[in-house]
Amino acid sequence: MILRKHMEDESAFQVPDRKVINMNEYYEIEYWASKFEVSPEQLKLAVQHTGSIIPAEIEEYLAGR
């Protein structure tokens, strides 16, 4: 049981896939928002506006604002 709990805890700290932003995983939203120095809400709006989940495209959009 302790081992299982430890494994569950580790899964909460997975490193996001660097090729896409998974908007269904809060830890990824937090990671990318921090990386782009925006709030999670600003990141969500950028994804909605661009229609993209590609980090480079989101970063370009945010830089141009």
Protein backbone atom coordinates (compact mmCIF):
# COMPACT_ATOMS: atom_id res chain seq x y z
CA MET A 1 0.00 0.00 0.00
CA ILE A 2 2.81 2.42 0.82
CA LEU A 3 4.53 1.61 -2.48
CA ARG A 4 1.31 2.21 -4.39
CA LYS A 5 0.77 5.57 -2.72
CA HIS A 6 4.38 6.53 -3.50
CA MET A 7 3.84 5.66 -7.16
CA GLU A 8 0.64 7.74 -7.26
CA ASP A 9 2.48 10.69 -5.72
CA GLU A 10 5.22 10.49 -8.37
CA SER A 11 2.68 10.55 -11.19
CA ALA A 12 1.48 13.94 -9.97
CA PHE A 13 4.91 15.36 -10.76
CA GLN A 14 5.32 14.11 -14.31
CA VAL A 15 7.28 16.31 -16.67
CA PRO A 16 4.97 17.69 -19.34
CA ASP A 17 5.35 16.67 -22.97
CA ARG A 18 7.35 19.54 -24.42
CA LYS A 19 5.71 19.26 -27.86
CA VAL A 20 2.13 20.07 -26.84
CA ILE A 21 0.25 21.66 -23.97
CA ASN A 22 -2.28 19.25 -22.49
CA MET A 23 -5.06 21.57 -21.41
CA ASN A 24 -6.78 18.70 -19.58
CA GLU A 25 -4.00 18.41 -17.01
CA TYR A 26 -3.78 21.17 -14.42
CA TYR A 27 -0.11 20.49 -13.67
CA GLU A 28 0.69 21.13 -17.34
CA ILE A 29 -1.30 24.36 -17.36
CA GLU A 30 0.62 25.45 -14.26
CA TYR A 31 3.96 24.44 -15.81
CA TRP A 32 3.43 26.27 -19.11
CA ALA A 33 1.89 29.34 -17.46
CA SER A 34 4.95 29.59 -15.23
CA LYS A 35 7.30 29.04 -18.17
CA PHE A 36 5.61 31.80 -20.19
CA GLU A 37 5.28 34.03 -17.11
CA VAL A 38 1.51 34.36 -17.43
CA SER A 39 -1.42 33.26 -15.31
CA PRO A 40 -3.16 29.96 -16.03
CA GLU A 41 -6.17 31.96 -17.24
CA GLN A 42 -4.01 33.95 -19.67
CA LEU A 43 -2.59 30.69 -21.01
CA LYS A 44 -6.08 29.28 -21.50
CA LEU A 45 -7.13 32.42 -23.37
CA ALA A 46 -4.03 32.25 -25.58
CA VAL A 47 -4.85 28.64 -26.48
CA GLN A 48 -8.45 29.59 -27.24
CA HIS A 49 -7.43 32.58 -29.34
CA THR A 50 -4.79 30.76 -31.39
CA GLY A 51 -6.52 27.40 -31.55
CA SER A 52 -3.11 25.85 -30.92
CA ILE A 53 -1.59 23.72 -28.18
CA ILE A 54 1.93 23.96 -29.65
CA PRO A 55 4.15 25.74 -27.09
CA ALA A 56 6.15 27.68 -29.72
CA GLU A 57 2.95 29.08 -31.25
CA ILE A 58 1.54 30.04 -27.86
CA GLU A 59 4.84 31.66 -26.89
CA GLU A 60 4.87 33.66 -30.14
CA TYR A 61 1.30 34.81 -29.57
CA LEU A 62 2.02 35.86 -25.98
CA ALA A 63 5.19 37.71 -27.01
CA GLY A 64 3.25 39.72 -29.58
CA ARG A 65 0.62 40.93 -27.16
